[in-house]
């Protein structure tokens, strides 16, 4: 049997692929730019953890950090901390976004 045939026999079928996490860096394991340090976004589209961006229209209202305080089954997570003592206005927005591949 050829190596290509062995590989083809071991590839999962479509049914086995369903339910898999297709978000790149969904485990929040990679933070090349900040190395786990807190980042306070001051402009829209500020990169936080790898593949995740801060979206905002009002600067310096929250910080983003990679932390080891993660849910069961994960080693790291993305933590968002509010830095503002006031309630956001009706037109303010603060988001964490990641591009999804089609």
PDB file of N, CA and C in Angstrom:
ATOM      1  N   UNK A   1       0.843  -1.174   0.000  1.00  0.00           N
ATOM      2  CA  UNK A   1       0.000   0.000   0.000  1.00  0.00           C
ATOM      3  C   UNK A   1       0.892   1.240   0.000  1.00  0.00           C
ATOM      4  N   UNK A   2       0.506   2.221  -0.808  1.00  0.00           N
ATOM      5  CA  UNK A   2       1.313   3.443  -0.914  1.00  0.00           C
ATOM      6  C   UNK A   2       1.098   4.336   0.303  1.00  0.00           C
ATOM      7  N   UNK A   3       2.073   5.231   0.521  1.00  0.00           N
ATOM      8  CA  UNK A   3       1.951   6.182   1.626  1.00  0.00           C
ATOM      9  C   UNK A   3       0.748   7.104   1.432  1.00  0.00           C
ATOM     10  N   UNK A   4       0.466   7.475   0.186  1.00  0.00           N
ATOM     11  CA  UNK A   4      -0.687   8.330  -0.084  1.00  0.00           C
ATOM     12  C   UNK A   4      -1.981   7.623   0.319  1.00  0.00           C
ATOM     13  N   UNK A   5      -2.052   6.331   0.057  1.00  0.00           N
ATOM     14  CA  UNK A   5      -3.258   5.572   0.414  1.00  0.00           C
ATOM     15  C   UNK A   5      -3.392   5.474   1.935  1.00  0.00           C
ATOM     16  N   UNK A   6      -2.278   5.245   2.627  1.00  0.00           N
ATOM     17  CA  UNK A   6      -2.321   5.185   4.098  1.00  0.00           C
ATOM     18  C   UNK A   6      -2.789   6.517   4.682  1.00  0.00           C
ATOM     19  N   UNK A   7      -2.284   7.613   4.115  1.00  0.00           N
ATOM     20  CA  UNK A   7      -2.686   8.932   4.583  1.00  0.00           C
ATOM     21  C   UNK A   7      -4.169   9.157   4.326  1.00  0.00           C
ATOM     22  N   UNK A   8      -4.624   8.810   3.136  1.00  0.00           N
ATOM     23  CA  UNK A   8      -6.035   8.991   2.794  1.00  0.00           C
ATOM     24  C   UNK A   8      -6.941   8.167   3.706  1.00  0.00           C
ATOM     25  N   UNK A   9      -6.512   6.988   4.074  1.00  0.00           N
ATOM     26  CA  UNK A   9      -7.316   6.147   4.960  1.00  0.00           C
ATOM     27  C   UNK A   9      -7.418   6.730   6.367  1.00  0.00           C
ATOM     28  N   UNK A  10      -6.442   7.553   6.770  1.00  0.00           N
ATOM     29  CA  UNK A  10      -6.437   8.117   8.116  1.00  0.00           C
ATOM     30  C   UNK A  10      -7.032   9.517   8.213  1.00  0.00           C
ATOM     31  N   UNK A  11      -7.431  10.104   7.086  1.00  0.00           N
ATOM     32  CA  UNK A  11      -8.043  11.425   7.125  1.00  0.00           C
ATOM     33  C   UNK A  11      -9.453  11.314   7.677  1.00  0.00           C
ATOM     34  N   UNK A  12      -9.853  12.246   8.533  1.00  0.00           N
ATOM     35  CA  UNK A  12     -11.206  12.181   9.082  1.00  0.00           C
ATOM     36  C   UNK A  12     -12.247  12.487   8.020  1.00  0.00           C
ATOM     37  N   UNK A  13     -13.416  11.923   8.167  1.00  0.00           N
ATOM     38  CA  UNK A  13     -14.509  12.198   7.236  1.00  0.00           C
ATOM     39  C   UNK A  13     -15.189  13.502   7.635  1.00  0.00           C
ATOM     40  N   UNK A  14     -16.102  13.964   6.832  1.00  0.00           N
ATOM     41  CA  UNK A  14     -16.789  15.230   7.087  1.00  0.00           C
ATOM     42  C   UNK A  14     -17.492  15.195   8.434  1.00  0.00           C
ATOM     43  N   UNK A  15     -18.117  14.111   8.790  1.00  0.00           N
ATOM     44  CA  UNK A  15     -18.829  14.010  10.056  1.00  0.00           C
ATOM     45  C   UNK A  15     -17.922  14.220  11.258  1.00  0.00           C
ATOM     46  N   UNK A  16     -16.700  13.768  11.179  1.00  0.00           N
ATOM     47  CA  UNK A  16     -15.774  13.915  12.296  1.00  0.00           C
ATOM     48  C   UNK A  16     -15.235  15.335  12.416  1.00  0.00           C
ATOM     49  N   UNK A  17     -15.370  16.124  11.392  1.00  0.00           N
ATOM     50  CA  UNK A  17     -14.877  17.497  11.435  1.00  0.00           C
ATOM     51  C   UNK A  17     -15.872  18.451  12.067  1.00  0.00           C
ATOM     52  N   UNK A  18     -17.125  18.071  12.122  1.00  0.00           N
ATOM     53  CA  UNK A  18     -18.134  18.993  12.664  1.00  0.00           C
ATOM     54  C   UNK A  18     -17.889  19.241  14.144  1.00  0.00           C
ATOM     55  N   UNK A  19     -18.154  20.464  14.554  1.00  0.00           N
ATOM     56  CA  UNK A  19     -17.975  20.834  15.949  1.00  0.00           C
ATOM     57  C   UNK A  19     -16.562  21.238  16.326  1.00  0.00           C
ATOM     58  N   UNK A  20     -15.637  21.178  15.384  1.00  0.00           N
ATOM     59  CA  UNK A  20     -14.255  21.575  15.688  1.00  0.00           C
ATOM     60  C   UNK A  20     -14.136  23.086  15.738  1.00  0.00           C
ATOM     61  N   UNK A  21     -13.268  23.577  16.590  1.00  0.00           N
ATOM     62  CA  UNK A  21     -13.013  25.001  16.688  1.00  0.00           C
ATOM     63  C   UNK A  21     -12.187  25.434  15.480  1.00  0.00           C
ATOM     64  N   UNK A  22     -12.743  26.312  14.660  1.00  0.00           N
ATOM     65  CA  UNK A  22     -12.025  26.773  13.471  1.00  0.00           C
ATOM     66  C   UNK A  22     -11.484  28.186  13.657  1.00  0.00           C
ATOM     67  N   UNK A  23     -11.546  28.709  14.873  1.00  0.00           N
ATOM     68  CA  UNK A  23     -11.000  30.032  15.147  1.00  0.00           C
ATOM     69  C   UNK A  23      -9.499  29.907  15.387  1.00  0.00           C
ATOM     70  N   UNK A  24      -8.720  30.633  14.621  1.00  0.00           N
ATOM     71  CA  UNK A  24      -7.268  30.592  14.761  1.00  0.00           C
ATOM     72  C   UNK A  24      -6.886  31.270  16.069  1.00  0.00           C
ATOM     73  N   UNK A  25      -6.093  30.616  16.880  1.00  0.00           N
ATOM     74  CA  UNK A  25      -5.668  31.063  18.208  1.00  0.00           C
ATOM     75  C   UNK A  25      -6.855  31.175  19.166  1.00  0.00           C
ATOM     76  N   UNK A  26      -7.846  30.326  18.984  1.00  0.00           N
ATOM     77  CA  UNK A  26      -8.999  30.308  19.870  1.00  0.00           C
ATOM     78  C   UNK A  26      -8.645  29.919  21.293  1.00  0.00           C
ATOM     79  N   UNK A  27      -7.525  29.253  21.469  1.00  0.00           N
ATOM     80  CA  UNK A  27      -7.074  28.875  22.815  1.00  0.00           C
ATOM     81  C   UNK A  27      -6.303  30.001  23.490  1.00  0.00           C
ATOM     82  N   UNK A  28      -6.132  31.118  22.803  1.00  0.00           N
ATOM     83  CA  UNK A  28      -5.447  32.309  23.320  1.00  0.00           C
ATOM     84  C   UNK A  28      -4.005  32.015  23.738  1.00  0.00           C
ATOM     85  N   UNK A  29      -3.388  31.037  23.117  1.00  0.00           N
ATOM     86  CA  UNK A  29      -2.044  30.603  23.485  1.00  0.00           C
ATOM     87  C   UNK A  29      -0.945  31.509  22.933  1.00  0.00           C
ATOM     88  N   UNK A  30      -1.233  32.271  21.875  1.00  0.00           N
ATOM     89  CA  UNK A  30      -0.183  33.045  21.219  1.00  0.00           C
ATOM     90  C   UNK A  30      -0.417  34.539  21.416  1.00  0.00           C
ATOM     91  N   UNK A  31       0.587  35.209  21.943  1.00  0.00           N
ATOM     92  CA  UNK A  31       0.557  36.660  22.147  1.00  0.00           C
ATOM     93  C   UNK A  31       1.951  37.194  21.838  1.00  0.00           C
ATOM     94  N   UNK A  32       2.316  37.187  20.567  1.00  0.00           N
ATOM     95  CA  UNK A  32       3.672  37.555  20.156  1.00  0.00           C
ATOM     96  C   UNK A  32       3.985  39.034  20.379  1.00  0.00           C
ATOM     97  N   UNK A  33       3.005  39.907  20.211  1.00  0.00           N
ATOM     98  CA  UNK A  33       3.263  41.340  20.287  1.00  0.00           C
ATOM     99  C   UNK A  33       3.392  41.852  21.713  1.00  0.00           C
ATOM    100  N   UNK A  34       2.617  41.289  22.630  1.00  0.00           N
ATOM    101  CA  UNK A  34       2.557  41.833  23.980  1.00  0.00           C
ATOM    102  C   UNK A  34       3.135  40.919  25.052  1.00  0.00           C
ATOM    103  N   UNK A  35       3.394  39.676  24.722  1.00  0.00           N
ATOM    104  CA  UNK A  35       3.980  38.691  25.649  1.00  0.00           C
ATOM    105  C   UNK A  35       3.246  38.617  26.985  1.00  0.00           C
ATOM    106  N   UNK A  36       1.918  38.724  26.934  1.00  0.00           N
ATOM    107  CA  UNK A  36       1.123  38.614  28.152  1.00  0.00           C
ATOM    108  C   UNK A  36       0.916  39.916  28.893  1.00  0.00           C
ATOM    109  N   UNK A  37       1.538  40.994  28.431  1.00  0.00           N
ATOM    110  CA  UNK A  37       1.366  42.294  29.083  1.00  0.00           C
ATOM    111  C   UNK A  37       0.008  42.888  28.704  1.00  0.00           C
ATOM    112  N   UNK A  38      -0.571  43.642  29.612  1.00  0.00           N
ATOM    113  CA  UNK A  38      -1.846  44.302  29.331  1.00  0.00           C
ATOM    114  C   UNK A  38      -1.660  45.375  28.270  1.00  0.00           C
ATOM    115  N   UNK A  39      -2.626  45.477  27.376  1.00  0.00           N
ATOM    116  CA  UNK A  39      -2.623  46.471  26.316  1.00  0.00           C
ATOM    117  C   UNK A  39      -3.877  47.325  26.455  1.00  0.00           C
ATOM    118  N   UNK A  40      -3.718  48.623  26.423  1.00  0.00           N
ATOM    119  CA  UNK A  40      -4.865  49.524  26.460  1.00  0.00           C
ATOM    120  C   UNK A  40      -5.063  50.089  25.059  1.00  0.00           C
ATOM    121  N   UNK A  41      -6.092  49.633  24.350  1.00  0.00           N
ATOM    122  CA  UNK A  41      -6.310  50.104  22.978  1.00  0.00           C
ATOM    123  C   UNK A  41      -6.632  51.593  22.946  1.00  0.00           C
ATOM    124  N   UNK A  42      -5.912  52.312  22.095  1.00  0.00           N
ATOM    125  CA  UNK A  42      -6.148  53.744  21.936  1.00  0.00           C
ATOM    126  C   UNK A  42      -6.694  54.078  20.557  1.00  0.00           C
ATOM    127  N   UNK A  43      -6.595  53.147  19.624  1.00  0.00           N
ATOM    128  CA  UNK A  43      -7.149  53.344  18.291  1.00  0.00           C
ATOM    129  C   UNK A  43      -7.930  52.107  17.878  1.00  0.00           C
ATOM    130  N   UNK A  44      -8.880  52.294  16.970  1.00  0.00           N
ATOM    131  CA  UNK A  44      -9.647  51.170  16.444  1.00  0.00           C
ATOM    132  C   UNK A  44      -8.711  50.211  15.718  1.00  0.00           C
ATOM    133  N   UNK A  45      -8.988  48.947  15.807  1.00  0.00           N
ATOM    134  CA  UNK A  45      -8.215  47.880  15.155  1.00  0.00           C
ATOM    135  C   UNK A  45      -6.875  47.606  15.830  1.00  0.00           C
ATOM    136  N   UNK A  46      -6.714  47.972  17.092  1.00  0.00           N
ATOM    137  CA  UNK A  46      -5.486  47.662  17.820  1.00  0.00           C
ATOM    138  C   UNK A  46      -5.377  46.157  17.991  1.00  0.00           C
ATOM    139  N   UNK A  47      -4.231  45.570  17.626  1.00  0.00           N
ATOM    140  CA  UNK A  47      -4.035  44.131  17.761  1.00  0.00           C
ATOM    141  C   UNK A  47      -3.735  43.815  19.224  1.00  0.00           C
ATOM    142  N   UNK A  48      -4.456  42.845  19.762  1.00  0.00           N
ATOM    143  CA  UNK A  48      -4.239  42.416  21.142  1.00  0.00           C
ATOM    144  C   UNK A  48      -3.517  41.073  21.081  1.00  0.00           C
ATOM    145  N   UNK A  49      -4.162  39.985  21.445  1.00  0.00           N
ATOM    146  CA  UNK A  49      -3.566  38.664  21.249  1.00  0.00           C
ATOM    147  C   UNK A  49      -3.564  38.372  19.751  1.00  0.00           C
ATOM    148  N   UNK A  50      -2.733  37.439  19.314  1.00  0.00           N
ATOM    149  CA  UNK A  50      -2.636  37.141  17.889  1.00  0.00           C
ATOM    150  C   UNK A  50      -3.999  36.770  17.327  1.00  0.00           C
ATOM    151  N   UNK A  51      -4.355  37.400  16.209  1.00  0.00           N
ATOM    152  CA  UNK A  51      -5.591  37.211  15.466  1.00  0.00           C
ATOM    153  C   UNK A  51      -6.807  37.865  16.116  1.00  0.00           C
ATOM    154  N   UNK A  52      -6.618  38.623  17.193  1.00  0.00           N
ATOM    155  CA  UNK A  52      -7.726  39.305  17.858  1.00  0.00           C
ATOM    156  C   UNK A  52      -7.437  40.805  17.889  1.00  0.00           C
ATOM    157  N   UNK A  53      -8.459  41.599  17.560  1.00  0.00           N
ATOM    158  CA  UNK A  53      -8.311  43.050  17.507  1.00  0.00           C
ATOM    159  C   UNK A  53      -9.324  43.717  18.433  1.00  0.00           C
ATOM    160  N   UNK A  54      -8.939  44.868  18.941  1.00  0.00           N
ATOM    161  CA  UNK A  54      -9.847  45.690  19.733  1.00  0.00           C
ATOM    162  C   UNK A  54     -10.535  46.665  18.793  1.00  0.00           C
ATOM    163  N   UNK A  55     -11.849  46.704  18.864  1.00  0.00           N
ATOM    164  CA  UNK A  55     -12.640  47.660  18.090  1.00  0.00           C
ATOM    165  C   UNK A  55     -13.231  48.649  19.073  1.00  0.00           C
ATOM    166  N   UNK A  56     -13.122  49.941  18.783  1.00  0.00           N
ATOM    167  CA  UNK A  56     -13.634  50.951  19.706  1.00  0.00           C
ATOM    168  C   UNK A  56     -13.783  52.287  19.013  1.00  0.00           C
ATOM    169  N   UNK A  57     -14.559  53.152  19.621  1.00  0.00           N
ATOM    170  CA  UNK A  57     -14.653  54.513  19.106  1.00  0.00           C
ATOM    171  C   UNK A  57     -14.336  55.543  20.196  1.00  0.00           C
ATOM    172  N   UNK A  58     -13.876  55.060  21.353  1.00  0.00           N
ATOM    173  CA  UNK A  58     -13.541  55.939  22.465  1.00  0.00           C
ATOM    174  C   UNK A  58     -12.323  55.326  23.159  1.00  0.00           C
ATOM    175  N   UNK A  59     -11.176  55.955  23.071  1.00  0.00           N
ATOM    176  CA  UNK A  59      -9.895  55.367  23.481  1.00  0.00           C
ATOM    177  C   UNK A  59      -9.749  55.202  24.990  1.00  0.00           C
ATOM    178  N   UNK A  60      -8.903  54.245  25.344  1.00  0.00           N
ATOM    179  CA  UNK A  60      -8.428  54.030  26.716  1.00  0.00           C
ATOM    180  C   UNK A  60      -9.526  53.742  27.727  1.00  0.00           C
ATOM    181  N   UNK A  61     -10.529  52.995  27.325  1.00  0.00           N
ATOM    182  CA  UNK A  61     -11.619  52.656  28.240  1.00  0.00           C
ATOM    183  C   UNK A  61     -11.521  51.230  28.766  1.00  0.00           C
ATOM    184  N   UNK A  62     -10.671  50.403  28.140  1.00  0.00           N
ATOM    185  CA  UNK A  62     -10.488  49.037  28.629  1.00  0.00           C
ATOM    186  C   UNK A  62      -9.097  48.535  28.270  1.00  0.00           C
ATOM    187  N   UNK A  63      -8.677  47.470  28.970  1.00  0.00           N
ATOM    188  CA  UNK A  63      -7.391  46.848  28.650  1.00  0.00           C
ATOM    189  C   UNK A  63      -7.636  45.376  28.322  1.00  0.00           C
ATOM    190  N   UNK A  64      -6.725  44.830  27.540  1.00  0.00           N
ATOM    191  CA  UNK A  64      -6.810  43.439  27.105  1.00  0.00           C
ATOM    192  C   UNK A  64      -5.498  42.756  27.454  1.00  0.00           C
ATOM    193  N   UNK A  65      -5.584  41.531  27.964  1.00  0.00           N
ATOM    194  CA  UNK A  65      -4.373  40.827  28.388  1.00  0.00           C
ATOM    195  C   UNK A  65      -4.564  39.326  28.264  1.00  0.00           C
ATOM    196  N   UNK A  66      -3.475  38.628  27.928  1.00  0.00           N
ATOM    197  CA  UNK A  66      -3.447  37.172  27.966  1.00  0.00           C
ATOM    198  C   UNK A  66      -3.127  36.763  29.404  1.00  0.00           C
ATOM    199  N   UNK A  67      -3.972  35.912  29.987  1.00  0.00           N
ATOM    200  CA  UNK A  67      -3.781  35.495  31.374  1.00  0.00           C
ATOM    201  C   UNK A  67      -3.863  33.973  31.491  1.00  0.00           C
ATOM    202  N   UNK A  68      -3.360  33.455  32.595  1.00  0.00           N
ATOM    203  CA  UNK A  68      -3.430  32.006  32.848  1.00  0.00           C
ATOM    204  C   UNK A  68      -4.664  31.642  33.669  1.00  0.00           C
ATOM    205  N   UNK A  69      -5.468  32.622  34.027  1.00  0.00           N
ATOM    206  CA  UNK A  69      -6.730  32.400  34.732  1.00  0.00           C
ATOM    207  C   UNK A  69      -7.763  32.017  33.677  1.00  0.00           C
ATOM    208  N   UNK A  70      -7.786  30.742  33.316  1.00  0.00           N
ATOM    209  CA  UNK A  70      -8.587  30.287  32.186  1.00  0.00           C
ATOM    210  C   UNK A  70      -9.643  29.269  32.622  1.00  0.00           C
ATOM    211  N   UNK A  71     -10.674  29.087  31.810  1.00  0.00           N
ATOM    212  CA  UNK A  71     -11.680  28.063  32.112  1.00  0.00           C
ATOM    213  C   UNK A  71     -11.061  26.666  32.126  1.00  0.00           C
ATOM    214  N   UNK A  72     -11.735  25.755  32.755  1.00  0.00           N
ATOM    215  CA  UNK A  72     -11.263  24.373  32.824  1.00  0.00           C
ATOM    216  C   UNK A  72     -11.021  23.823  31.422  1.00  0.00           C
ATOM    217  N   UNK A  73      -9.886  23.193  31.222  1.00  0.00           N
ATOM    218  CA  UNK A  73      -9.533  22.624  29.926  1.00  0.00           C
ATOM    219  C   UNK A  73      -8.686  23.541  29.065  1.00  0.00           C
ATOM    220  N   UNK A  74      -8.452  24.760  29.509  1.00  0.00           N
ATOM    221  CA  UNK A  74      -7.639  25.712  28.765  1.00  0.00           C
ATOM    222  C   UNK A  74      -6.486  26.186  29.636  1.00  0.00           C
ATOM    223  N   UNK A  75      -5.377  26.534  29.001  1.00  0.00           N
ATOM    224  CA  UNK A  75      -4.223  27.032  29.748  1.00  0.00           C
ATOM    225  C   UNK A  75      -4.214  28.552  29.868  1.00  0.00           C
ATOM    226  N   UNK A  76      -4.770  29.231  28.863  1.00  0.00           N
ATOM    227  CA  UNK A  76      -4.746  30.692  28.846  1.00  0.00           C
ATOM    228  C   UNK A  76      -6.080  31.220  28.349  1.00  0.00           C
ATOM    229  N   UNK A  77      -6.336  32.490  28.633  1.00  0.00           N
ATOM    230  CA  UNK A  77      -7.545  33.132  28.133  1.00  0.00           C
ATOM    231  C   UNK A  77      -7.277  34.612  27.890  1.00  0.00           C
ATOM    232  N   UNK A  78      -8.206  35.263  27.208  1.00  0.00           N
ATOM    233  CA  UNK A  78      -8.134  36.684  26.928  1.00  0.00           C
ATOM    234  C   UNK A  78      -8.978  37.383  27.993  1.00  0.00           C
ATOM    235  N   UNK A  79      -8.379  38.309  28.715  1.00  0.00           N
ATOM    236  CA  UNK A  79      -9.066  39.015  29.797  1.00  0.00           C
ATOM    237  C   UNK A  79      -9.248  40.473  29.395  1.00  0.00           C
ATOM    238  N   UNK A  80     -10.479  40.970  29.519  1.00  0.00           N
ATOM    239  CA  UNK A  80     -10.798  42.368  29.246  1.00  0.00           C
ATOM    240  C   UNK A  80     -11.152  43.027  30.568  1.00  0.00           C
ATOM    241  N   UNK A  81     -10.509  44.146  30.869  1.00  0.00           N
ATOM    242  CA  UNK A  81     -10.747  44.868  32.117  1.00  0.00           C
ATOM    243  C   UNK A  81     -11.195  46.295  31.800  1.00  0.00           C
ATOM    244  N   UNK A  82     -12.303  46.705  32.391  1.00  0.00           N
ATOM    245  CA  UNK A  82     -12.800  48.066  32.204  1.00  0.00           C
ATOM    246  C   UNK A  82     -11.901  49.040  32.957  1.00  0.00           C
ATOM    247  N   UNK A  83     -11.558  50.145  32.301  1.00  0.00           N
ATOM    248  CA  UNK A  83     -10.746  51.188  32.928  1.00  0.00           C
ATOM    249  C   UNK A  83     -11.563  52.449  33.192  1.00  0.00           C
ATOM    250  N   UNK A  84     -12.826  52.422  32.826  1.00  0.00           N
ATOM    251  CA  UNK A  84     -13.670  53.605  32.955  1.00  0.00           C
ATOM    252  C   UNK A  84     -14.677  53.426  34.080  1.00  0.00           C
ATOM    253  N   UNK A  85     -14.850  54.470  34.860  1.00  0.00           N
ATOM    254  CA  UNK A  85     -15.823  54.433  35.953  1.00  0.00           C
ATOM    255  C   UNK A  85     -17.188  54.929  35.495  1.00  0.00           C
ATOM    256  N   UNK A  86     -17.279  55.389  34.253  1.00  0.00           N
ATOM    257  CA  UNK A  86     -18.547  55.924  33.749  1.00  0.00           C
ATOM    258  C   UNK A  86     -19.225  54.925  32.824  1.00  0.00           C
ATOM    259  N   UNK A  87     -20.505  55.102  32.637  1.00  0.00           N
ATOM    260  CA  UNK A  87     -21.279  54.263  31.732  1.00  0.00           C
ATOM    261  C   UNK A  87     -21.020  54.703  30.295  1.00  0.00           C
ATOM    262  N   UNK A  88     -20.809  53.764  29.382  1.00  0.00           N
ATOM    263  CA  UNK A  88     -20.595  54.141  27.982  1.00  0.00           C
ATOM    264  C   UNK A  88     -21.813  54.873  27.418  1.00  0.00           C
ATOM    265  N   UNK A  89     -21.563  55.792  26.506  1.00  0.00           N
ATOM    266  CA  UNK A  89     -22.638  56.525  25.854  1.00  0.00           C
ATOM    267  C   UNK A  89     -23.396  55.645  24.875  1.00  0.00           C
ATOM    268  N   UNK A  90     -24.525  56.115  24.411  1.00  0.00           N
ATOM    269  CA  UNK A  90     -25.377  55.318  23.525  1.00  0.00           C
ATOM    270  C   UNK A  90     -24.734  55.057  22.163  1.00  0.00           C
ATOM    271  N   UNK A  91     -23.758  55.849  21.763  1.00  0.00           N
ATOM    272  CA  UNK A  91     -23.099  55.632  20.472  1.00  0.00           C
ATOM    273  C   UNK A  91     -21.713  55.002  20.614  1.00  0.00           C
ATOM    274  N   UNK A  92     -21.275  54.757  21.848  1.00  0.00           N
ATOM    275  CA  UNK A  92     -19.968  54.141  22.075  1.00  0.00           C
ATOM    276  C   UNK A  92     -20.030  52.650  21.779  1.00  0.00           C
ATOM    277  N   UNK A  93     -18.924  52.107  21.283  1.00  0.00           N
ATOM    278  CA  UNK A  93     -18.832  50.656  21.121  1.00  0.00           C
ATOM    279  C   UNK A  93     -17.433  50.190  21.481  1.00  0.00           C
ATOM    280  N   UNK A  94     -17.383  49.006  22.085  1.00  0.00           N
ATOM    281  CA  UNK A  94     -16.135  48.376  22.505  1.00  0.00           C
ATOM    282  C   UNK A  94     -16.259  46.904  22.179  1.00  0.00           C
ATOM    283  N   UNK A  95     -15.368  46.380  21.357  1.00  0.00           N
ATOM    284  CA  UNK A  95     -15.487  45.002  20.891  1.00  0.00           C
ATOM    285  C   UNK A  95     -14.124  44.328  20.845  1.00  0.00           C
ATOM    286  N   UNK A  96     -14.154  43.005  20.910  1.00  0.00           N
ATOM    287  CA  UNK A  96     -13.000  42.166  20.585  1.00  0.00           C
ATOM    288  C   UNK A  96     -13.418  41.397  19.337  1.00  0.00           C
ATOM    289  N   UNK A  97     -12.635  41.479  18.286  1.00  0.00           N
ATOM    290  CA  UNK A  97     -13.002  40.875  17.010  1.00  0.00           C
ATOM    291  C   UNK A  97     -11.883  40.007  16.471  1.00  0.00           C
ATOM    292  N   UNK A  98     -12.249  39.007  15.701  1.00  0.00           N
ATOM    293  CA  UNK A  98     -11.283  38.160  15.013  1.00  0.00           C
ATOM    294  C   UNK A  98     -11.806  37.894  13.603  1.00  0.00           C
ATOM    295  N   UNK A  99     -10.948  37.926  12.582  1.00  0.00           N
ATOM    296  CA  UNK A  99     -11.411  37.628  11.238  1.00  0.00           C
ATOM    297  C   UNK A  99     -11.666  36.130  11.075  1.00  0.00           C
ATOM    298  N   UNK A 100     -12.772  35.782  10.478  1.00  0.00           N
ATOM    299  CA  UNK A 100     -13.098  34.378  10.196  1.00  0.00           C
ATOM    300  C   UNK A 100     -12.822  34.093   8.745  1.00  0.00           C
ATOM    301  N   UNK A 101     -12.258  32.931   8.479  1.00  0.00           N
ATOM    302  CA  UNK A 101     -11.976  32.546   7.115  1.00  0.00           C
ATOM    303  C   UNK A 101     -13.173  31.788   6.556  1.00  0.00           C
ATOM    304  N   UNK A 102     -13.508  32.070   5.296  1.00  0.00           N
ATOM    305  CA  UNK A 102     -14.689  31.472   4.686  1.00  0.00           C
ATOM    306  C   UNK A 102     -14.475  30.071   4.214  1.00  0.00           C
TER     307      UNK A 102
END
